[in-house]
């Protein structure tokens, strides 16, 4: 019986050592592989596109079928409802992304795109 307990204790110590090595390797990979920076960049790009799509829905609603242009006055009225600020084609989302809306084409350009 004493041999069995000793083998179990050795197996436990061996398992802990292997797990510590794996944790160390994972942390090293995460920091040297820029894992956290890439995750942050992905989150920022995702938020940029969410903001762009939200603004696009308002731009489509401000399209004037008679003139064929985006009605900035109508867009400016509705922009606060989607938590954007700005006027006359330049709008900032609550997350800080700045967008420019072309009155003729309705194209939305982000400051981050430039």
PDB file of N, CA and C in Angstrom:
ATOM      1  N   UNK A   1       0.809  -1.194   0.000  1.00  0.00           N
ATOM      2  CA  UNK A   1       0.000   0.000   0.000  1.00  0.00           C
ATOM      3  C   UNK A   1       0.854   1.260   0.000  1.00  0.00           C
ATOM      4  N   UNK A   2       1.981   1.242   0.671  1.00  0.00           N
ATOM      5  CA  UNK A   2       2.824   2.428   0.724  1.00  0.00           C
ATOM      6  C   UNK A   2       3.329   2.798  -0.659  1.00  0.00           C
ATOM      7  N   UNK A   3       3.635   1.819  -1.502  1.00  0.00           N
ATOM      8  CA  UNK A   3       4.104   2.109  -2.851  1.00  0.00           C
ATOM      9  C   UNK A   3       3.029   2.801  -3.679  1.00  0.00           C
ATOM     10  N   UNK A   4       1.798   2.402  -3.516  1.00  0.00           N
ATOM     11  CA  UNK A   4       0.717   3.011  -4.280  1.00  0.00           C
ATOM     12  C   UNK A   4       0.535   4.481  -3.908  1.00  0.00           C
ATOM     13  N   UNK A   5       0.625   4.812  -2.627  1.00  0.00           N
ATOM     14  CA  UNK A   5       0.485   6.204  -2.212  1.00  0.00           C
ATOM     15  C   UNK A   5       1.646   7.041  -2.737  1.00  0.00           C
ATOM     16  N   UNK A   6       2.837   6.495  -2.721  1.00  0.00           N
ATOM     17  CA  UNK A   6       4.002   7.202  -3.222  1.00  0.00           C
ATOM     18  C   UNK A   6       3.905   7.473  -4.707  1.00  0.00           C
ATOM     19  N   UNK A   7       3.422   6.513  -5.460  1.00  0.00           N
ATOM     20  CA  UNK A   7       3.267   6.702  -6.906  1.00  0.00           C
ATOM     21  C   UNK A   7       2.222   7.772  -7.185  1.00  0.00           C
ATOM     22  N   UNK A   8       1.150   7.795  -6.423  1.00  0.00           N
ATOM     23  CA  UNK A   8       0.104   8.802  -6.603  1.00  0.00           C
ATOM     24  C   UNK A   8       0.652  10.201  -6.316  1.00  0.00           C
ATOM     25  N   UNK A   9       1.462  10.344  -5.270  1.00  0.00           N
ATOM     26  CA  UNK A   9       2.042  11.630  -4.934  1.00  0.00           C
ATOM     27  C   UNK A   9       3.012  12.093  -6.019  1.00  0.00           C
ATOM     28  N   UNK A  10       3.817  11.185  -6.553  1.00  0.00           N
ATOM     29  CA  UNK A  10       4.745  11.520  -7.635  1.00  0.00           C
ATOM     30  C   UNK A  10       3.965  11.925  -8.887  1.00  0.00           C
ATOM     31  N   UNK A  11       2.894  11.219  -9.181  1.00  0.00           N
ATOM     32  CA  UNK A  11       2.070  11.556 -10.352  1.00  0.00           C
ATOM     33  C   UNK A  11       1.443  12.937 -10.187  1.00  0.00           C
ATOM     34  N   UNK A  12       1.004  13.259  -8.976  1.00  0.00           N
ATOM     35  CA  UNK A  12       0.419  14.557  -8.718  1.00  0.00           C
ATOM     36  C   UNK A  12       1.450  15.668  -8.911  1.00  0.00           C
ATOM     37  N   UNK A  13       2.627  15.498  -8.370  1.00  0.00           N
ATOM     38  CA  UNK A  13       3.691  16.493  -8.510  1.00  0.00           C
ATOM     39  C   UNK A  13       4.074  16.652  -9.982  1.00  0.00           C
ATOM     40  N   UNK A  14       4.186  15.544 -10.697  1.00  0.00           N
ATOM     41  CA  UNK A  14       4.511  15.581 -12.128  1.00  0.00           C
ATOM     42  C   UNK A  14       3.430  16.343 -12.904  1.00  0.00           C
ATOM     43  N   UNK A  15       2.178  16.109 -12.594  1.00  0.00           N
ATOM     44  CA  UNK A  15       1.066  16.784 -13.266  1.00  0.00           C
ATOM     45  C   UNK A  15       1.096  18.289 -13.000  1.00  0.00           C
ATOM     46  N   UNK A  16       1.380  18.670 -11.772  1.00  0.00           N
ATOM     47  CA  UNK A  16       1.456  20.097 -11.432  1.00  0.00           C
ATOM     48  C   UNK A  16       2.595  20.767 -12.189  1.00  0.00           C
ATOM     49  N   UNK A  17       3.734  20.113 -12.274  1.00  0.00           N
ATOM     50  CA  UNK A  17       4.881  20.678 -12.998  1.00  0.00           C
ATOM     51  C   UNK A  17       4.548  20.858 -14.480  1.00  0.00           C
ATOM     52  N   UNK A  18       3.932  19.855 -15.076  1.00  0.00           N
ATOM     53  CA  UNK A  18       3.560  19.943 -16.494  1.00  0.00           C
ATOM     54  C   UNK A  18       2.564  21.082 -16.714  1.00  0.00           C
ATOM     55  N   UNK A  19       1.605  21.218 -15.803  1.00  0.00           N
ATOM     56  CA  UNK A  19       0.614  22.296 -15.949  1.00  0.00           C
ATOM     57  C   UNK A  19       1.273  23.671 -15.805  1.00  0.00           C
ATOM     58  N   UNK A  20       2.210  23.815 -14.900  1.00  0.00           N
ATOM     59  CA  UNK A  20       2.921  25.086 -14.743  1.00  0.00           C
ATOM     60  C   UNK A  20       3.713  25.436 -16.003  1.00  0.00           C
ATOM     61  N   UNK A  21       4.320  24.454 -16.622  1.00  0.00           N
ATOM     62  CA  UNK A  21       5.049  24.682 -17.876  1.00  0.00           C
ATOM     63  C   UNK A  21       4.085  25.131 -18.974  1.00  0.00           C
ATOM     64  N   UNK A  22       2.931  24.479 -19.071  1.00  0.00           N
ATOM     65  CA  UNK A  22       1.942  24.853 -20.082  1.00  0.00           C
ATOM     66  C   UNK A  22       1.396  26.262 -19.848  1.00  0.00           C
ATOM     67  N   UNK A  23       1.151  26.622 -18.596  1.00  0.00           N
ATOM     68  CA  UNK A  23       0.667  27.965 -18.279  1.00  0.00           C
ATOM     69  C   UNK A  23       1.727  29.003 -18.654  1.00  0.00           C
ATOM     70  N   UNK A  24       2.969  28.719 -18.329  1.00  0.00           N
ATOM     71  CA  UNK A  24       4.054  29.639 -18.686  1.00  0.00           C
ATOM     72  C   UNK A  24       4.179  29.824 -20.183  1.00  0.00           C
ATOM     73  N   UNK A  25       4.065  28.725 -20.916  1.00  0.00           N
ATOM     74  CA  UNK A  25       4.147  28.809 -22.378  1.00  0.00           C
ATOM     75  C   UNK A  25       2.960  29.590 -22.942  1.00  0.00           C
ATOM     76  N   UNK A  26       1.777  29.399 -22.383  1.00  0.00           N
ATOM     77  CA  UNK A  26       0.588  30.117 -22.856  1.00  0.00           C
ATOM     78  C   UNK A  26       0.715  31.614 -22.613  1.00  0.00           C
ATOM     79  N   UNK A  27       1.193  31.992 -21.443  1.00  0.00           N
ATOM     80  CA  UNK A  27       1.370  33.412 -21.130  1.00  0.00           C
ATOM     81  C   UNK A  27       2.417  34.028 -22.043  1.00  0.00           C
ATOM     82  N   UNK A  28       3.489  33.309 -22.287  1.00  0.00           N
ATOM     83  CA  UNK A  28       4.539  33.815 -23.170  1.00  0.00           C
ATOM     84  C   UNK A  28       3.999  34.000 -24.589  1.00  0.00           C
ATOM     85  N   UNK A  29       3.218  33.041 -25.068  1.00  0.00           N
ATOM     86  CA  UNK A  29       2.642  33.148 -26.410  1.00  0.00           C
ATOM     87  C   UNK A  29       1.682  34.333 -26.487  1.00  0.00           C
ATOM     88  N   UNK A  30       0.873  34.508 -25.442  1.00  0.00           N
ATOM     89  CA  UNK A  30      -0.120  35.590 -25.452  1.00  0.00           C
ATOM     90  C   UNK A  30       0.548  36.955 -25.471  1.00  0.00           C
ATOM     91  N   UNK A  31       1.627  37.129 -24.723  1.00  0.00           N
ATOM     92  CA  UNK A  31       2.267  38.445 -24.666  1.00  0.00           C
ATOM     93  C   UNK A  31       3.174  38.691 -25.854  1.00  0.00           C
ATOM     94  N   UNK A  32       3.959  37.711 -26.245  1.00  0.00           N
ATOM     95  CA  UNK A  32       4.869  37.903 -27.376  1.00  0.00           C
ATOM     96  C   UNK A  32       4.164  37.826 -28.714  1.00  0.00           C
ATOM     97  N   UNK A  33       3.070  37.135 -28.773  1.00  0.00           N
ATOM     98  CA  UNK A  33       2.308  37.007 -30.018  1.00  0.00           C
ATOM     99  C   UNK A  33       1.340  38.144 -30.237  1.00  0.00           C
ATOM    100  N   UNK A  34       1.403  39.173 -29.375  1.00  0.00           N
ATOM    101  CA  UNK A  34       0.525  40.340 -29.471  1.00  0.00           C
ATOM    102  C   UNK A  34      -0.948  39.949 -29.464  1.00  0.00           C
ATOM    103  N   UNK A  35      -1.292  38.915 -28.726  1.00  0.00           N
ATOM    104  CA  UNK A  35      -2.661  38.429 -28.679  1.00  0.00           C
ATOM    105  C   UNK A  35      -3.619  39.496 -28.152  1.00  0.00           C
ATOM    106  N   UNK A  36      -3.225  40.161 -27.075  1.00  0.00           N
ATOM    107  CA  UNK A  36      -4.100  41.160 -26.474  1.00  0.00           C
ATOM    108  C   UNK A  36      -4.241  42.392 -27.365  1.00  0.00           C
ATOM    109  N   UNK A  37      -3.153  42.801 -28.014  1.00  0.00           N
ATOM    110  CA  UNK A  37      -3.221  43.948 -28.910  1.00  0.00           C
ATOM    111  C   UNK A  37      -4.111  43.641 -30.113  1.00  0.00           C
ATOM    112  N   UNK A  38      -3.995  42.443 -30.632  1.00  0.00           N
ATOM    113  CA  UNK A  38      -4.829  42.059 -31.781  1.00  0.00           C
ATOM    114  C   UNK A  38      -6.302  41.991 -31.390  1.00  0.00           C
ATOM    115  N   UNK A  39      -6.571  41.511 -30.202  1.00  0.00           N
ATOM    116  CA  UNK A  39      -7.959  41.452 -29.735  1.00  0.00           C
ATOM    117  C   UNK A  39      -8.527  42.866 -29.586  1.00  0.00           C
ATOM    118  N   UNK A  40      -7.731  43.794 -29.076  1.00  0.00           N
ATOM    119  CA  UNK A  40      -8.167  45.172 -28.929  1.00  0.00           C
ATOM    120  C   UNK A  40      -8.414  45.818 -30.294  1.00  0.00           C
ATOM    121  N   UNK A  41      -7.527  45.572 -31.248  1.00  0.00           N
ATOM    122  CA  UNK A  41      -7.704  46.111 -32.602  1.00  0.00           C
ATOM    123  C   UNK A  41      -8.979  45.559 -33.237  1.00  0.00           C
ATOM    124  N   UNK A  42      -9.238  44.285 -33.042  1.00  0.00           N
ATOM    125  CA  UNK A  42     -10.444  43.669 -33.600  1.00  0.00           C
ATOM    126  C   UNK A  42     -11.700  44.281 -32.974  1.00  0.00           C
ATOM    127  N   UNK A  43     -11.663  44.519 -31.681  1.00  0.00           N
ATOM    128  CA  UNK A  43     -12.809  45.125 -31.000  1.00  0.00           C
ATOM    129  C   UNK A  43     -13.059  46.541 -31.518  1.00  0.00           C
ATOM    130  N   UNK A  44     -11.997  47.303 -31.738  1.00  0.00           N
ATOM    131  CA  UNK A  44     -12.144  48.671 -32.250  1.00  0.00           C
ATOM    132  C   UNK A  44     -12.694  48.671 -33.672  1.00  0.00           C
ATOM    133  N   UNK A  45     -12.221  47.762 -34.512  1.00  0.00           N
ATOM    134  CA  UNK A  45     -12.724  47.679 -35.891  1.00  0.00           C
ATOM    135  C   UNK A  45     -14.188  47.257 -35.907  1.00  0.00           C
ATOM    136  N   UNK A  46     -14.541  46.349 -35.022  1.00  0.00           N
ATOM    137  CA  UNK A  46     -15.937  45.916 -34.940  1.00  0.00           C
ATOM    138  C   UNK A  46     -16.831  47.071 -34.534  1.00  0.00           C
ATOM    139  N   UNK A  47     -16.418  47.841 -33.536  1.00  0.00           N
ATOM    140  CA  UNK A  47     -17.204  48.993 -33.090  1.00  0.00           C
ATOM    141  C   UNK A  47     -17.314  50.037 -34.198  1.00  0.00           C
ATOM    142  N   UNK A  48     -16.244  50.235 -34.959  1.00  0.00           N
ATOM    143  CA  UNK A  48     -16.275  51.177 -36.080  1.00  0.00           C
ATOM    144  C   UNK A  48     -17.339  50.770 -37.092  1.00  0.00           C
ATOM    145  N   UNK A  49     -17.392  49.492 -37.415  1.00  0.00           N
ATOM    146  CA  UNK A  49     -18.363  49.027 -38.405  1.00  0.00           C
ATOM    147  C   UNK A  49     -19.789  49.044 -37.862  1.00  0.00           C
ATOM    148  N   UNK A  50     -19.964  48.778 -36.576  1.00  0.00           N
ATOM    149  CA  UNK A  50     -21.296  48.876 -35.966  1.00  0.00           C
ATOM    150  C   UNK A  50     -21.778  50.321 -36.043  1.00  0.00           C
ATOM    151  N   UNK A  51     -20.897  51.269 -35.706  1.00  0.00           N
ATOM    152  CA  UNK A  51     -21.257  52.683 -35.784  1.00  0.00           C
ATOM    153  C   UNK A  51     -21.574  53.094 -37.219  1.00  0.00           C
ATOM    154  N   UNK A  52     -20.785  52.606 -38.177  1.00  0.00           N
ATOM    155  CA  UNK A  52     -21.011  52.943 -39.590  1.00  0.00           C
ATOM    156  C   UNK A  52     -22.388  52.443 -40.042  1.00  0.00           C
ATOM    157  N   UNK A  53     -22.742  51.221 -39.658  1.00  0.00           N
ATOM    158  CA  UNK A  53     -24.042  50.658 -40.052  1.00  0.00           C
ATOM    159  C   UNK A  53     -25.198  51.420 -39.403  1.00  0.00           C
ATOM    160  N   UNK A  54     -25.005  51.825 -38.163  1.00  0.00           N
ATOM    161  CA  UNK A  54     -26.038  52.607 -37.476  1.00  0.00           C
ATOM    162  C   UNK A  54     -26.252  53.945 -38.176  1.00  0.00           C
ATOM    163  N   UNK A  55     -25.170  54.596 -38.528  1.00  0.00           N
ATOM    164  CA  UNK A  55     -25.261  55.874 -39.237  1.00  0.00           C
ATOM    165  C   UNK A  55     -25.859  55.677 -40.626  1.00  0.00           C
ATOM    166  N   UNK A  56     -25.511  54.597 -41.278  1.00  0.00           N
ATOM    167  CA  UNK A  56     -26.032  54.325 -42.619  1.00  0.00           C
ATOM    168  C   UNK A  56     -27.549  54.242 -42.624  1.00  0.00           C
ATOM    169  N   UNK A  57     -28.122  53.645 -41.582  1.00  0.00           N
ATOM    170  CA  UNK A  57     -29.585  53.554 -41.541  1.00  0.00           C
ATOM    171  C   UNK A  57     -30.225  54.935 -41.497  1.00  0.00           C
ATOM    172  N   UNK A  58     -29.594  55.871 -40.824  1.00  0.00           N
ATOM    173  CA  UNK A  58     -30.123  57.240 -40.776  1.00  0.00           C
ATOM    174  C   UNK A  58     -29.866  57.989 -42.085  1.00  0.00           C
ATOM    175  N   UNK A  59     -28.746  57.713 -42.722  1.00  0.00           N
ATOM    176  CA  UNK A  59     -28.434  58.351 -44.004  1.00  0.00           C
ATOM    177  C   UNK A  59     -29.460  57.931 -45.052  1.00  0.00           C
ATOM    178  N   UNK A  60     -29.805  56.657 -45.062  1.00  0.00           N
ATOM    179  CA  UNK A  60     -30.810  56.169 -46.016  1.00  0.00           C
ATOM    180  C   UNK A  60     -32.150  56.862 -45.752  1.00  0.00           C
ATOM    181  N   UNK A  61     -32.475  57.053 -44.489  1.00  0.00           N
ATOM    182  CA  UNK A  61     -33.726  57.731 -44.144  1.00  0.00           C
ATOM    183  C   UNK A  61     -33.727  59.205 -44.519  1.00  0.00           C
ATOM    184  N   UNK A  62     -32.551  59.805 -44.647  1.00  0.00           N
ATOM    185  CA  UNK A  62     -32.454  61.228 -44.984  1.00  0.00           C
ATOM    186  C   UNK A  62     -32.304  61.470 -46.484  1.00  0.00           C
ATOM    187  N   UNK A  63     -32.365  60.419 -47.272  1.00  0.00           N
ATOM    188  CA  UNK A  63     -32.232  60.559 -48.722  1.00  0.00           C
ATOM    189  C   UNK A  63     -33.465  61.261 -49.282  1.00  0.00           C
ATOM    190  N   UNK A  64     -33.236  62.281 -50.080  1.00  0.00           N
ATOM    191  CA  UNK A  64     -34.317  63.035 -50.695  1.00  0.00           C
ATOM    192  C   UNK A  64     -34.483  62.532 -52.120  1.00  0.00           C
ATOM    193  N   UNK A  65     -35.597  61.904 -52.394  1.00  0.00           N
ATOM    194  CA  UNK A  65     -35.821  61.316 -53.718  1.00  0.00           C
ATOM    195  C   UNK A  65     -35.969  62.378 -54.811  1.00  0.00           C
ATOM    196  N   UNK A  66     -36.409  63.543 -54.475  1.00  0.00           N
ATOM    197  CA  UNK A  66     -36.608  64.606 -55.467  1.00  0.00           C
ATOM    198  C   UNK A  66     -35.262  65.162 -55.935  1.00  0.00           C
ATOM    199  N   UNK A  67     -34.404  65.510 -54.992  1.00  0.00           N
ATOM    200  CA  UNK A  67     -33.113  66.094 -55.358  1.00  0.00           C
ATOM    201  C   UNK A  67     -32.054  65.032 -55.632  1.00  0.00           C
ATOM    202  N   UNK A  68     -32.233  63.868 -55.046  1.00  0.00           N
ATOM    203  CA  UNK A  68     -31.238  62.805 -55.196  1.00  0.00           C
ATOM    204  C   UNK A  68     -30.054  62.968 -54.259  1.00  0.00           C
ATOM    205  N   UNK A  69     -30.180  63.854 -53.281  1.00  0.00           N
ATOM    206  CA  UNK A  69     -29.099  64.110 -52.325  1.00  0.00           C
ATOM    207  C   UNK A  69     -29.537  63.729 -50.920  1.00  0.00           C
ATOM    208  N   UNK A  70     -28.560  63.682 -50.039  1.00  0.00           N
ATOM    209  CA  UNK A  70     -28.843  63.461 -48.629  1.00  0.00           C
ATOM    210  C   UNK A  70     -29.246  64.802 -48.029  1.00  0.00           C
ATOM    211  N   UNK A  71     -30.377  64.820 -47.349  1.00  0.00           N
ATOM    212  CA  UNK A  71     -30.870  66.036 -46.696  1.00  0.00           C
ATOM    213  C   UNK A  71     -30.183  66.138 -45.331  1.00  0.00           C
ATOM    214  N   UNK A  72     -29.159  66.992 -45.241  1.00  0.00           N
ATOM    215  CA  UNK A  72     -28.403  67.148 -43.995  1.00  0.00           C
ATOM    216  C   UNK A  72     -29.296  67.618 -42.845  1.00  0.00           C
ATOM    217  N   UNK A  73     -30.277  68.498 -43.152  1.00  0.00           N
ATOM    218  CA  UNK A  73     -31.159  68.994 -42.084  1.00  0.00           C
ATOM    219  C   UNK A  73     -31.936  67.848 -41.444  1.00  0.00           C
ATOM    220  N   UNK A  74     -32.470  66.978 -42.274  1.00  0.00           N
ATOM    221  CA  UNK A  74     -33.217  65.823 -41.762  1.00  0.00           C
ATOM    222  C   UNK A  74     -32.282  64.869 -41.018  1.00  0.00           C
ATOM    223  N   UNK A  75     -31.099  64.670 -41.562  1.00  0.00           N
ATOM    224  CA  UNK A  75     -30.124  63.797 -40.912  1.00  0.00           C
ATOM    225  C   UNK A  75     -29.703  64.375 -39.569  1.00  0.00           C
ATOM    226  N   UNK A  76     -29.480  65.688 -39.526  1.00  0.00           N
ATOM    227  CA  UNK A  76     -29.086  66.343 -38.278  1.00  0.00           C
ATOM    228  C   UNK A  76     -30.176  66.217 -37.199  1.00  0.00           C
ATOM    229  N   UNK A  77     -31.447  66.273 -37.619  1.00  0.00           N
ATOM    230  CA  UNK A  77     -32.553  66.121 -36.673  1.00  0.00           C
ATOM    231  C   UNK A  77     -32.577  64.735 -36.039  1.00  0.00           C
ATOM    232  N   UNK A  78     -32.331  63.715 -36.844  1.00  0.00           N
ATOM    233  CA  UNK A  78     -32.479  62.332 -36.375  1.00  0.00           C
ATOM    234  C   UNK A  78     -31.207  61.755 -35.758  1.00  0.00           C
ATOM    235  N   UNK A  79     -30.109  62.440 -35.886  1.00  0.00           N
ATOM    236  CA  UNK A  79     -28.817  61.878 -35.489  1.00  0.00           C
ATOM    237  C   UNK A  79     -28.721  61.669 -33.978  1.00  0.00           C
ATOM    238  N   UNK A  80     -29.365  62.528 -33.193  1.00  0.00           N
ATOM    239  CA  UNK A  80     -29.276  62.399 -31.736  1.00  0.00           C
ATOM    240  C   UNK A  80     -30.001  61.155 -31.235  1.00  0.00           C
ATOM    241  N   UNK A  81     -30.972  60.664 -31.998  1.00  0.00           N
ATOM    242  CA  UNK A  81     -31.714  59.466 -31.605  1.00  0.00           C
ATOM    243  C   UNK A  81     -30.832  58.217 -31.598  1.00  0.00           C
ATOM    244  N   UNK A  82     -29.765  58.227 -32.380  1.00  0.00           N
ATOM    245  CA  UNK A  82     -28.866  57.062 -32.429  1.00  0.00           C
ATOM    246  C   UNK A  82     -27.568  57.339 -31.675  1.00  0.00           C
ATOM    247  N   UNK A  83     -27.611  58.362 -30.810  1.00  0.00           N
ATOM    248  CA  UNK A  83     -26.491  58.715 -29.934  1.00  0.00           C
ATOM    249  C   UNK A  83     -25.237  59.135 -30.697  1.00  0.00           C
ATOM    250  N   UNK A  84     -25.454  59.908 -31.768  1.00  0.00           N
ATOM    251  CA  UNK A  84     -24.370  60.545 -32.504  1.00  0.00           C
ATOM    252  C   UNK A  84     -24.479  62.049 -32.269  1.00  0.00           C
ATOM    253  N   UNK A  85     -23.380  62.747 -32.458  1.00  0.00           N
ATOM    254  CA  UNK A  85     -23.401  64.206 -32.396  1.00  0.00           C
ATOM    255  C   UNK A  85     -22.794  64.738 -33.687  1.00  0.00           C
ATOM    256  N   UNK A  86     -23.079  65.977 -33.996  1.00  0.00           N
ATOM    257  CA  UNK A  86     -22.504  66.597 -35.182  1.00  0.00           C
ATOM    258  C   UNK A  86     -23.567  67.175 -36.073  1.00  0.00           C
ATOM    259  N   UNK A  87     -23.094  67.745 -37.179  1.00  0.00           N
ATOM    260  CA  UNK A  87     -24.012  68.355 -38.135  1.00  0.00           C
ATOM    261  C   UNK A  87     -23.319  68.530 -39.478  1.00  0.00           C
ATOM    262  N   UNK A  88     -24.145  68.762 -40.500  1.00  0.00           N
ATOM    263  CA  UNK A  88     -23.675  69.060 -41.855  1.00  0.00           C
ATOM    264  C   UNK A  88     -22.672  68.048 -42.400  1.00  0.00           C
ATOM    265  N   UNK A  89     -22.925  66.789 -42.150  1.00  0.00           N
ATOM    266  CA  UNK A  89     -22.113  65.745 -42.768  1.00  0.00           C
ATOM    267  C   UNK A  89     -20.966  65.221 -41.943  1.00  0.00           C
ATOM    268  N   UNK A  90     -20.685  65.809 -40.782  1.00  0.00           N
ATOM    269  CA  UNK A  90     -19.620  65.308 -39.914  1.00  0.00           C
ATOM    270  C   UNK A  90     -20.253  64.879 -38.599  1.00  0.00           C
ATOM    271  N   UNK A  91     -20.118  63.600 -38.284  1.00  0.00           N
ATOM    272  CA  UNK A  91     -20.797  63.045 -37.122  1.00  0.00           C
ATOM    273  C   UNK A  91     -19.837  62.195 -36.290  1.00  0.00           C
ATOM    274  N   UNK A  92     -20.036  62.237 -34.976  1.00  0.00           N
ATOM    275  CA  UNK A  92     -19.201  61.480 -34.049  1.00  0.00           C
ATOM    276  C   UNK A  92     -20.088  60.550 -33.236  1.00  0.00           C
ATOM    277  N   UNK A  93     -19.695  59.286 -33.172  1.00  0.00           N
ATOM    278  CA  UNK A  93     -20.465  58.312 -32.393  1.00  0.00           C
ATOM    279  C   UNK A  93     -20.110  58.430 -30.921  1.00  0.00           C
ATOM    280  N   UNK A  94     -20.897  57.795 -30.074  1.00  0.00           N
ATOM    281  CA  UNK A  94     -20.621  57.857 -28.632  1.00  0.00           C
ATOM    282  C   UNK A  94     -19.322  57.147 -28.289  1.00  0.00           C
ATOM    283  N   UNK A  95     -18.844  56.257 -29.164  1.00  0.00           N
ATOM    284  CA  UNK A  95     -17.572  55.575 -28.918  1.00  0.00           C
ATOM    285  C   UNK A  95     -16.382  56.376 -29.444  1.00  0.00           C
ATOM    286  N   UNK A  96     -16.653  57.541 -30.049  1.00  0.00           N
ATOM    287  CA  UNK A  96     -15.574  58.432 -30.485  1.00  0.00           C
ATOM    288  C   UNK A  96     -15.184  58.307 -31.945  1.00  0.00           C
ATOM    289  N   UNK A  97     -15.850  57.458 -32.703  1.00  0.00           N
ATOM    290  CA  UNK A  97     -15.553  57.339 -34.132  1.00  0.00           C
ATOM    291  C   UNK A  97     -16.165  58.516 -34.889  1.00  0.00           C
ATOM    292  N   UNK A  98     -15.361  59.123 -35.767  1.00  0.00           N
ATOM    293  CA  UNK A  98     -15.808  60.280 -36.542  1.00  0.00           C
ATOM    294  C   UNK A  98     -16.076  59.834 -37.979  1.00  0.00           C
ATOM    295  N   UNK A  99     -17.230  60.265 -38.514  1.00  0.00           N
ATOM    296  CA  UNK A  99     -17.639  59.890 -39.864  1.00  0.00           C
ATOM    297  C   UNK A  99     -17.990  61.131 -40.666  1.00  0.00           C
ATOM    298  N   UNK A 100     -17.751  61.022 -41.979  1.00  0.00           N
ATOM    299  CA  UNK A 100     -18.107  62.080 -42.917  1.00  0.00           C
ATOM    300  C   UNK A 100     -19.095  61.494 -43.915  1.00  0.00           C
ATOM    301  N   UNK A 101     -20.221  62.194 -44.113  1.00  0.00           N
ATOM    302  CA  UNK A 101     -21.252  61.739 -45.039  1.00  0.00           C
ATOM    303  C   UNK A 101     -21.236  62.652 -46.253  1.00  0.00           C
ATOM    304  N   UNK A 102     -21.017  62.065 -47.432  1.00  0.00           N
ATOM    305  CA  UNK A 102     -21.037  62.815 -48.680  1.00  0.00           C
ATOM    306  C   UNK A 102     -22.492  63.078 -49.047  1.00  0.00           C
ATOM    307  N   UNK A 103     -22.840  64.339 -49.212  1.00  0.00           N
ATOM    308  CA  UNK A 103     -24.224  64.711 -49.472  1.00  0.00           C
ATOM    309  C   UNK A 103     -24.720  64.220 -50.825  1.00  0.00           C
ATOM    310  N   UNK A 104     -23.836  64.139 -51.796  1.00  0.00           N
ATOM    311  CA  UNK A 104     -24.248  63.757 -53.145  1.00  0.00           C
ATOM    312  C   UNK A 104     -24.368  62.242 -53.290  1.00  0.00           C
ATOM    313  N   UNK A 105     -23.359  61.515 -52.834  1.00  0.00           N
ATOM    314  CA  UNK A 105     -23.357  60.059 -53.014  1.00  0.00           C
ATOM    315  C   UNK A 105     -23.882  59.296 -51.810  1.00  0.00           C
ATOM    316  N   UNK A 106     -23.909  59.927 -50.644  1.00  0.00           N
ATOM    317  CA  UNK A 106     -24.326  59.238 -49.431  1.00  0.00           C
ATOM    318  C   UNK A 106     -23.250  58.339 -48.854  1.00  0.00           C
ATOM    319  N   UNK A 107     -22.051  58.426 -49.411  1.00  0.00           N
ATOM    320  CA  UNK A 107     -20.938  57.602 -48.952  1.00  0.00           C
ATOM    321  C   UNK A 107     -20.514  58.027 -47.549  1.00  0.00           C
ATOM    322  N   UNK A 108     -20.292  57.033 -46.696  1.00  0.00           N
ATOM    323  CA  UNK A 108     -19.835  57.304 -45.330  1.00  0.00           C
ATOM    324  C   UNK A 108     -18.378  56.930 -45.228  1.00  0.00           C
ATOM    325  N   UNK A 109     -17.553  57.903 -44.860  1.00  0.00           N
ATOM    326  CA  UNK A 109     -16.120  57.675 -44.692  1.00  0.00           C
ATOM    327  C   UNK A 109     -15.769  57.902 -43.238  1.00  0.00           C
ATOM    328  N   UNK A 110     -15.059  56.963 -42.659  1.00  0.00           N
ATOM    329  CA  UNK A 110     -14.622  57.118 -41.274  1.00  0.00           C
ATOM    330  C   UNK A 110     -13.269  57.814 -41.239  1.00  0.00           C
ATOM    331  N   UNK A 111     -13.049  58.586 -40.192  1.00  0.00           N
ATOM    332  CA  UNK A 111     -11.759  59.242 -40.021  1.00  0.00           C
ATOM    333  C   UNK A 111     -10.651  58.188 -39.934  1.00  0.00           C
ATOM    334  N   UNK A 112     -10.964  57.020 -39.373  1.00  0.00           N
ATOM    335  CA  UNK A 112      -9.987  55.943 -39.231  1.00  0.00           C
ATOM    336  C   UNK A 112      -9.636  55.332 -40.577  1.00  0.00           C
ATOM    337  N   UNK A 113     -10.488  55.509 -41.596  1.00  0.00           N
ATOM    338  CA  UNK A 113     -10.213  54.962 -42.930  1.00  0.00           C
ATOM    339  C   UNK A 113      -9.117  55.751 -43.642  1.00  0.00           C
ATOM    340  N   UNK A 114      -8.955  57.002 -43.271  1.00  0.00           N
ATOM    341  CA  UNK A 114      -8.039  57.885 -43.998  1.00  0.00           C
ATOM    342  C   UNK A 114      -6.611  57.679 -43.592  1.00  0.00           C
TER     343      UNK A 114
END
